[in-house]
Amino acid sequence: MKEQTIGKEKSPYITDVENITFGGKQGVVLAPGGELFCDEINYDVWAGDRLVVSIYFKGRQDIDSICCFWADGGARVQWLLGDVTNGLDADRAPVAVIAPYIKDDPNFHMMRMFTGFDAVQVMASDDIRTVAAFGDSITHMSFYTNALQRRLYDGFFGRVSFINCGIGGNRLVDDATFVPEAGKRLIFFGEAGVKRFERDVFELDEVDTVMVLIGINDIMHPVQLEGKNSSTPAADIIEGYRKIADCAHENGAEVFFGTITPCGNEDYPKAWLPKFEKVRNEVNDWIRKGESIDGFFDFDREVADPAKTGFMQGPCHIGDGLHPNSRGGKKMADCVDIKTVIGS
């Protein structure tokens, strides 16, 4: 990366542009798997400000690690041609040009992909409550989390911060899924949730509340992608839940779970859904009992099709039966008692 800047969006302009430096230097070489923190910047940020991080790659890069989210209404991504870290506008490049390997995905037009940094840290007063959403693609795609974030910010403007700790394809119990056809684990699915939970949620932030929605990939991937005869046992998933709930409490945070939403799809082999449903229902029954956790929100009840067991309501998913869309995400977010979540 040659240059990086931070600024504020004052549509249609970017103002208050400041250089991001590393040891006083703006250019940086990041080794594979490496991690760097930039120099601290004396920069005033107020509730409601929209920050803009601009990164210029001087030459063409092979990028193996990206973050991809889908929903409108939260963070935005633009790929531009040329160095625009000074805040000026430039010609936009379609994401399929930047990342041609996704052009055959039927939903690629919904993907917002970025790379180069994980987080922007802002010092805040001690009375600001921080809420973290932890999970898999349903969390990281941001349809549900953006809607929840809007409710939190509208209801408690300037009093709450919301962070998204979701990773698409992430499993709770096992590391990244091994796909026989590929001959390898899909490492971009991340480490098992029980391994990454404390690091990803608590390493950079003092988190007060954690919203957990994870487990569907433990149920689906062994059968769907690994060719096994059964899903991860419900008892194993529940034990994983207990571990992350205990970890949250040890870090001084409350933890709320969401019930796992349906995944039915008519294109799946008929034998799959009964296997998925058996485990999903056992896990959801445990969540609804409220053991070891501070509360739960019944996402399953909000989006499930009452006339078709194991399926999500048609208008509530992106077309695959698994991932909620804007409507489904809003229904999920609307069932969350935000006063309970932030302890108000």
Protein backbone atom coordinates (compact mmCIF):
# COMPACT_ATOMS: atom_id res chain seq x y z
CA MET A 1 0.00 0.00 0.00
CA LYS A 2 1.46 3.34 -1.01
CA GLU A 3 -0.80 5.85 0.70
CA GLN A 4 -3.65 5.83 3.18
CA THR A 5 -5.76 8.72 4.43
CA ILE A 6 -8.77 9.28 6.65
CA GLY A 7 -11.38 11.98 6.18
CA LYS A 8 -15.02 12.86 6.76
CA GLU A 9 -17.79 12.54 4.23
CA LYS A 10 -19.57 15.83 3.66
CA SER A 11 -21.47 14.79 0.55
CA PRO A 12 -20.42 15.15 -2.21
CA TYR A 13 -16.99 15.97 -0.76
CA ILE A 14 -14.44 14.42 1.58
CA THR A 15 -13.10 16.95 4.06
CA ASP A 16 -10.57 17.09 6.91
CA VAL A 17 -8.27 14.64 5.13
CA GLU A 18 -5.35 13.44 7.26
CA ASN A 19 -2.52 11.08 6.36
CA ILE A 20 -2.34 7.68 8.02
CA THR A 21 1.24 6.84 8.91
CA PHE A 22 3.18 3.89 10.30
CA GLY A 23 6.21 4.89 12.33
CA GLY A 24 5.98 8.30 10.69
CA LYS A 25 5.99 6.87 7.17
CA GLN A 26 2.98 6.75 4.90
CA GLY A 27 3.94 3.81 2.72
CA VAL A 28 3.86 0.37 4.28
CA VAL A 29 4.67 -3.20 3.30
CA LEU A 30 2.55 -5.74 5.12
CA ALA A 31 3.85 -9.31 5.15
CA PRO A 32 1.39 -12.18 4.54
CA GLY A 33 -0.51 -12.77 7.74
CA GLY A 34 0.99 -9.63 9.27
CA GLU A 35 -0.80 -7.02 11.33
CA LEU A 36 0.08 -3.39 11.92
CA PHE A 37 -1.40 -0.54 13.91
CA CYS A 38 -0.99 2.92 12.46
CA ASP A 39 0.25 5.92 14.40
CA GLU A 40 -2.33 7.65 16.58
CA ILE A 41 -3.99 10.66 14.95
CA ASN A 42 -5.25 13.75 16.78
CA TYR A 43 -8.59 13.86 15.02
CA ASP A 44 -11.95 15.04 16.36
CA VAL A 45 -14.90 12.77 15.60
CA TRP A 46 -18.48 13.43 16.70
CA ALA A 47 -21.54 11.22 16.82
CA GLY A 48 -23.05 11.10 13.35
CA ASP A 49 -19.79 11.78 11.50
CA ARG A 50 -19.18 9.43 8.59
CA LEU A 51 -15.51 8.50 8.25
CA VAL A 52 -13.81 7.74 4.95
CA VAL A 53 -10.68 5.57 4.78
CA SER A 54 -8.89 5.74 1.42
CA ILE A 55 -6.12 3.30 0.47
CA TYR A 56 -4.07 3.55 -2.72
CA PHE A 57 -2.43 0.46 -4.17
CA LYS A 58 0.26 1.68 -6.54
CA GLY A 59 0.49 -1.54 -8.53
CA ARG A 60 -1.84 -4.42 -9.25
CA GLN A 61 -2.16 -6.68 -6.21
CA ASP A 62 -3.07 -10.31 -5.71
CA ILE A 63 -5.43 -10.10 -2.76
CA ASP A 64 -6.23 -13.28 -0.81
CA SER A 65 -8.06 -11.71 2.12
CA ILE A 66 -11.12 -9.52 1.77
CA CYS A 67 -14.15 -8.51 3.76
CA CYS A 68 -17.42 -8.73 1.91
CA PHE A 69 -20.78 -7.41 3.03
CA TRP A 70 -23.97 -7.03 1.04
CA ALA A 71 -26.46 -4.70 2.65
CA ASP A 72 -27.11 -1.06 1.89
CA GLY A 73 -27.45 1.47 4.65
CA GLY A 74 -24.21 0.85 6.53
CA ALA A 75 -20.61 1.02 5.38
CA ARG A 76 -20.01 1.72 1.69
CA VAL A 77 -17.20 0.67 -0.62
CA GLN A 78 -15.99 2.29 -3.84
CA TRP A 79 -13.20 1.06 -6.06
CA LEU A 80 -11.62 3.98 -7.94
CA LEU A 81 -8.98 4.29 -10.62
CA GLY A 82 -5.89 6.25 -9.59
CA ASP A 83 -4.74 7.87 -6.36
CA VAL A 84 -7.64 9.72 -4.73
CA THR A 85 -6.35 9.69 -1.16
CA ASN A 86 -6.37 13.51 -1.27
CA GLY A 87 -10.16 13.40 -1.14
CA LEU A 88 -10.84 14.12 -4.79
CA ASP A 89 -13.24 12.04 -6.84
CA ALA A 90 -12.24 9.77 -9.73
CA ASP A 91 -13.60 7.23 -12.17
CA ARG A 92 -15.29 4.32 -10.46
CA ALA A 93 -14.36 0.74 -11.28
CA PRO A 94 -16.96 -2.05 -11.12
CA VAL A 95 -16.12 -4.61 -8.47
CA ALA A 96 -16.13 -7.37 -11.11
CA VAL A 97 -13.21 -5.59 -12.79
CA ILE A 98 -11.26 -5.38 -9.56
CA ALA A 99 -12.13 -8.96 -8.56
CA PRO A 100 -13.02 -10.83 -11.78
CA TYR A 101 -13.30 -14.16 -9.98
CA ILE A 102 -16.72 -13.16 -8.59
CA LYS A 103 -18.27 -12.09 -11.89
CA ASP A 104 -20.06 -15.44 -12.30
CA ASP A 105 -21.72 -15.25 -8.90
CA PRO A 106 -25.42 -14.47 -9.46
CA ASN A 107 -25.38 -12.01 -6.56
CA PHE A 108 -22.05 -10.32 -7.21
CA HIS A 109 -23.74 -6.96 -7.78
CA MET A 110 -24.74 -6.98 -4.10
CA MET A 111 -21.22 -7.56 -2.78
CA ARG A 112 -19.28 -4.73 -1.17
CA MET A 113 -15.69 -5.91 -0.86
CA PHE A 114 -12.81 -4.12 0.79
CA THR A 115 -9.31 -4.98 1.93
CA GLY A 116 -6.33 -3.40 3.63
CA PHE A 117 -7.66 -2.70 7.12
CA ASP A 118 -9.81 -4.30 9.80
CA ALA A 119 -11.01 -1.48 12.00
CA VAL A 120 -10.91 2.20 12.85
CA GLN A 121 -10.55 2.82 16.58
CA VAL A 122 -11.93 6.02 18.10
CA MET A 123 -11.45 7.03 21.73
CA ALA A 124 -14.80 7.51 23.42
CA SER A 125 -16.00 8.45 26.87
CA ASP A 126 -16.51 5.68 29.41
CA ASP A 127 -20.29 6.02 29.38
CA ILE A 128 -20.56 4.94 25.73
CA ARG A 129 -21.99 1.41 25.53
CA THR A 130 -20.43 -0.92 22.97
CA VAL A 131 -22.51 -3.68 21.39
CA ALA A 132 -20.82 -6.40 19.30
CA ALA A 133 -22.59 -8.72 16.87
CA PHE A 134 -20.80 -12.07 16.56
CA GLY A 135 -21.62 -14.67 13.96
CA ASP A 136 -21.35 -15.97 10.42
CA SER A 137 -22.53 -14.65 7.04
CA ILE A 138 -25.97 -13.70 8.34
CA THR A 139 -24.17 -11.26 10.62
CA HIS A 140 -21.40 -10.15 8.28
CA MET A 141 -23.68 -9.57 5.26
CA SER A 142 -25.22 -6.85 7.45
CA PHE A 143 -28.90 -6.98 6.48
CA TYR A 144 -29.86 -7.75 10.08
CA THR A 145 -27.00 -5.89 11.74
CA ASN A 146 -27.46 -2.66 9.75
CA ALA A 147 -31.13 -2.59 10.74
CA LEU A 148 -30.20 -3.23 14.37
CA GLN A 149 -27.50 -0.58 14.24
CA ARG A 150 -30.01 1.99 12.97
CA ARG A 151 -32.40 1.18 15.82
CA LEU A 152 -29.62 1.52 18.37
CA TYR A 153 -28.29 4.78 16.94
CA ASP A 154 -31.76 6.29 16.51
CA GLY A 155 -32.78 5.30 20.02
CA PHE A 156 -29.55 6.17 21.81
CA PHE A 157 -27.78 8.68 19.57
CA GLY A 158 -24.25 9.37 20.75
CA ARG A 159 -24.55 6.83 23.58
CA VAL A 160 -23.83 3.53 21.86
CA SER A 161 -21.26 2.07 19.47
CA PHE A 162 -21.98 -1.01 17.37
CA ILE A 163 -19.38 -3.35 15.85
CA ASN A 164 -19.79 -6.29 13.48
CA CYS A 165 -17.64 -9.38 14.20
CA GLY A 166 -19.22 -11.69 11.64
CA ILE A 167 -17.28 -13.88 9.19
CA GLY A 168 -19.02 -15.51 6.24
CA GLY A 169 -18.87 -19.30 6.36
CA ASN A 170 -17.72 -19.30 9.98
CA ARG A 171 -18.50 -22.32 12.13
CA LEU A 172 -18.80 -22.36 15.91
CA VAL A 173 -17.22 -25.71 16.75
CA ASP A 174 -14.83 -26.48 13.88
CA ASP A 175 -12.29 -24.50 11.90
CA ALA A 176 -12.85 -23.60 8.25
CA THR A 177 -14.76 -26.24 6.31
CA PHE A 178 -12.75 -28.79 4.33
CA VAL A 179 -14.11 -29.14 0.80
CA PRO A 180 -13.03 -32.39 -0.91
CA GLU A 181 -13.55 -30.95 -4.40
CA ALA A 182 -11.12 -28.14 -3.63
CA GLY A 183 -8.75 -30.42 -1.72
CA LYS A 184 -8.36 -27.88 1.09
CA ARG A 185 -10.03 -25.97 3.85
CA LEU A 186 -11.68 -22.71 2.85
CA ILE A 187 -9.53 -20.67 5.21
CA PHE A 188 -11.41 -17.43 4.53
CA PHE A 189 -14.23 -18.95 6.62
CA GLY A 190 -12.00 -18.33 9.63
CA GLU A 191 -11.14 -20.20 12.78
CA ALA A 192 -13.87 -21.85 14.82
CA GLY A 193 -16.03 -19.35 16.68
CA VAL A 194 -15.01 -20.81 20.04
CA LYS A 195 -11.38 -20.03 19.17
CA ARG A 196 -11.77 -16.55 17.72
CA PHE A 197 -14.53 -15.23 19.97
CA GLU A 198 -12.44 -13.59 22.69
CA ARG A 199 -9.86 -12.18 20.28
CA ASP A 200 -12.30 -10.79 17.73
CA VAL A 201 -14.81 -9.37 20.19
CA PHE A 202 -12.71 -8.16 23.12
CA GLU A 203 -9.14 -7.60 21.89
CA LEU A 204 -9.66 -4.08 20.53
CA ASP A 205 -12.79 -2.90 22.32
CA GLU A 206 -14.31 -2.76 25.78
CA VAL A 207 -17.54 -4.50 24.83
CA ASP A 208 -20.58 -4.32 27.10
CA THR A 209 -23.00 -6.56 25.18
CA VAL A 210 -22.57 -9.35 22.64
CA MET A 211 -25.27 -10.48 20.21
CA VAL A 212 -24.54 -14.06 19.07
CA LEU A 213 -26.02 -15.71 15.98
CA ILE A 214 -23.93 -18.68 14.82
CA GLY A 215 -24.32 -22.39 14.24
CA ILE A 216 -26.05 -22.86 10.89
CA ASN A 217 -22.76 -23.68 9.16
CA ASP A 218 -21.99 -26.35 11.77
CA ILE A 219 -25.35 -27.84 10.81
CA MET A 220 -25.10 -27.50 7.02
CA HIS A 221 -21.44 -27.67 5.98
CA PRO A 222 -20.61 -31.23 7.10
CA VAL A 223 -23.42 -32.55 4.89
CA GLN A 224 -23.54 -29.92 2.16
CA LEU A 225 -19.83 -29.32 1.55
CA GLU A 226 -17.90 -32.12 3.25
CA GLY A 227 -20.08 -35.00 2.08
CA LYS A 228 -20.68 -36.40 5.55
CA ASN A 229 -23.83 -38.22 6.58
CA SER A 230 -24.69 -36.01 9.53
CA SER A 231 -24.35 -32.52 10.93
CA THR A 232 -22.30 -31.47 13.90
CA PRO A 233 -24.17 -32.89 16.92
CA ALA A 234 -26.42 -30.47 18.76
CA ALA A 235 -24.62 -31.29 22.01
CA ASP A 236 -21.33 -30.06 20.51
CA ILE A 237 -22.88 -26.81 19.32
CA ILE A 238 -24.51 -26.23 22.71
CA GLU A 239 -21.18 -26.85 24.45
CA GLY A 240 -19.64 -24.25 22.13
CA TYR A 241 -22.39 -21.82 23.09
CA ARG A 242 -21.62 -22.35 26.76
CA LYS A 243 -17.93 -21.64 26.15
CA ILE A 244 -18.49 -18.30 24.43
CA ALA A 245 -21.17 -17.30 26.95
CA ASP A 246 -18.73 -17.99 29.78
CA CYS A 247 -16.02 -16.05 27.92
CA ALA A 248 -18.32 -13.04 27.50
CA HIS A 249 -19.18 -13.04 31.19
CA GLU A 250 -15.50 -13.37 32.16
CA ASN A 251 -14.88 -10.23 30.10
CA GLY A 252 -17.64 -8.36 31.90
CA ALA A 253 -20.16 -8.41 29.04
CA GLU A 254 -23.74 -9.56 28.81
CA VAL A 255 -24.48 -12.04 26.03
CA PHE A 256 -27.72 -12.49 24.10
CA PHE A 257 -28.32 -15.24 21.56
CA GLY A 258 -30.46 -15.33 18.46
CA THR A 259 -32.20 -18.54 17.52
CA ILE A 260 -30.86 -20.10 14.31
CA THR A 261 -33.00 -19.23 11.31
CA PRO A 262 -34.24 -21.78 8.70
CA CYS A 263 -32.20 -22.90 5.69
CA GLY A 264 -34.66 -24.89 3.56
CA ASN A 265 -34.10 -24.88 -0.22
CA GLU A 266 -36.04 -26.91 -2.79
CA ASP A 267 -32.82 -27.62 -4.70
CA TYR A 268 -31.27 -29.53 -1.82
CA PRO A 269 -31.52 -33.34 -1.77
CA LYS A 270 -34.62 -34.39 0.18
CA ALA A 271 -32.55 -36.16 2.82
CA TRP A 272 -30.75 -32.99 3.88
CA LEU A 273 -33.44 -30.87 5.49
CA PRO A 274 -34.61 -33.45 8.08
CA LYS A 275 -30.99 -33.78 9.24
CA PHE A 276 -30.60 -30.02 9.45
CA GLU A 277 -33.90 -29.51 11.24
CA LYS A 278 -33.24 -32.14 13.89
CA VAL A 279 -30.08 -30.38 15.04
CA ARG A 280 -31.39 -26.84 14.51
CA ASN A 281 -34.49 -27.48 16.63
CA GLU A 282 -32.48 -29.06 19.44
CA VAL A 283 -30.11 -26.09 19.48
CA ASN A 284 -32.92 -23.54 19.36
CA ASP A 285 -34.72 -25.32 22.22
CA TRP A 286 -31.59 -24.85 24.34
CA ILE A 287 -31.35 -21.16 23.42
CA ARG A 288 -34.99 -20.60 24.32
CA LYS A 289 -34.40 -22.07 27.79
CA GLY A 290 -31.96 -19.22 28.42
CA GLU A 291 -29.34 -21.31 30.18
CA SER A 292 -25.95 -19.64 30.67
CA ILE A 293 -27.01 -16.53 28.72
CA ASP A 294 -28.57 -13.20 29.62
CA GLY A 295 -31.43 -13.49 27.16
CA PHE A 296 -32.38 -14.43 23.62
CA PHE A 297 -34.25 -13.09 20.62
CA ASP A 298 -36.31 -15.47 18.53
CA PHE A 299 -35.10 -14.72 15.01
CA ASP A 300 -36.34 -18.11 13.87
CA ARG A 301 -39.90 -17.28 14.83
CA GLU A 302 -39.75 -13.95 13.01
CA VAL A 303 -38.70 -15.23 9.58
CA ALA A 304 -39.80 -18.90 9.50
CA ASP A 305 -42.55 -19.86 7.06
CA PRO A 306 -45.41 -21.18 9.25
CA ALA A 307 -46.79 -23.15 6.32
CA LYS A 308 -43.51 -24.84 5.35
CA THR A 309 -41.44 -26.39 8.08
CA GLY A 310 -37.73 -25.67 7.83
CA PHE A 311 -38.12 -22.86 5.29
CA MET A 312 -37.79 -19.11 5.57
CA GLN A 313 -40.60 -16.87 4.38
CA GLY A 314 -40.10 -16.24 0.65
CA PRO A 315 -39.96 -12.41 0.84
CA CYS A 316 -37.41 -12.57 3.67
CA HIS A 317 -34.32 -14.08 2.01
CA ILE A 318 -31.99 -13.24 -0.88
CA GLY A 319 -33.14 -16.23 -2.94
CA ASP A 320 -31.16 -19.08 -1.38
CA GLY A 321 -33.49 -19.82 1.54
CA LEU A 322 -30.67 -19.22 3.99
CA HIS A 323 -29.57 -15.58 4.08
CA PRO A 324 -32.09 -12.93 5.17
CA ASN A 325 -32.47 -9.93 2.87
CA SER A 326 -33.35 -6.38 3.90
CA ARG A 327 -36.92 -7.35 4.81
CA GLY A 328 -35.84 -10.43 6.74
CA GLY A 329 -33.04 -8.53 8.43
CA LYS A 330 -35.42 -5.81 9.54
CA LYS A 331 -37.84 -8.35 11.00
CA MET A 332 -34.98 -9.87 12.95
CA ALA A 333 -33.69 -6.51 14.18
CA ASP A 334 -37.19 -5.32 15.11
CA CYS A 335 -37.66 -8.21 17.54
CA VAL A 336 -34.61 -7.13 19.55
CA ASP A 337 -35.38 -5.18 22.73
CA ILE A 338 -32.70 -2.53 22.36
CA LYS A 339 -33.19 -1.17 25.89
CA THR A 340 -32.36 -4.61 27.22
CA VAL A 341 -29.36 -4.91 24.92
CA ILE A 342 -27.69 -1.72 26.13
CA GLY A 343 -28.81 -2.08 29.72
CA SER A 344 -31.00 1.01 29.74
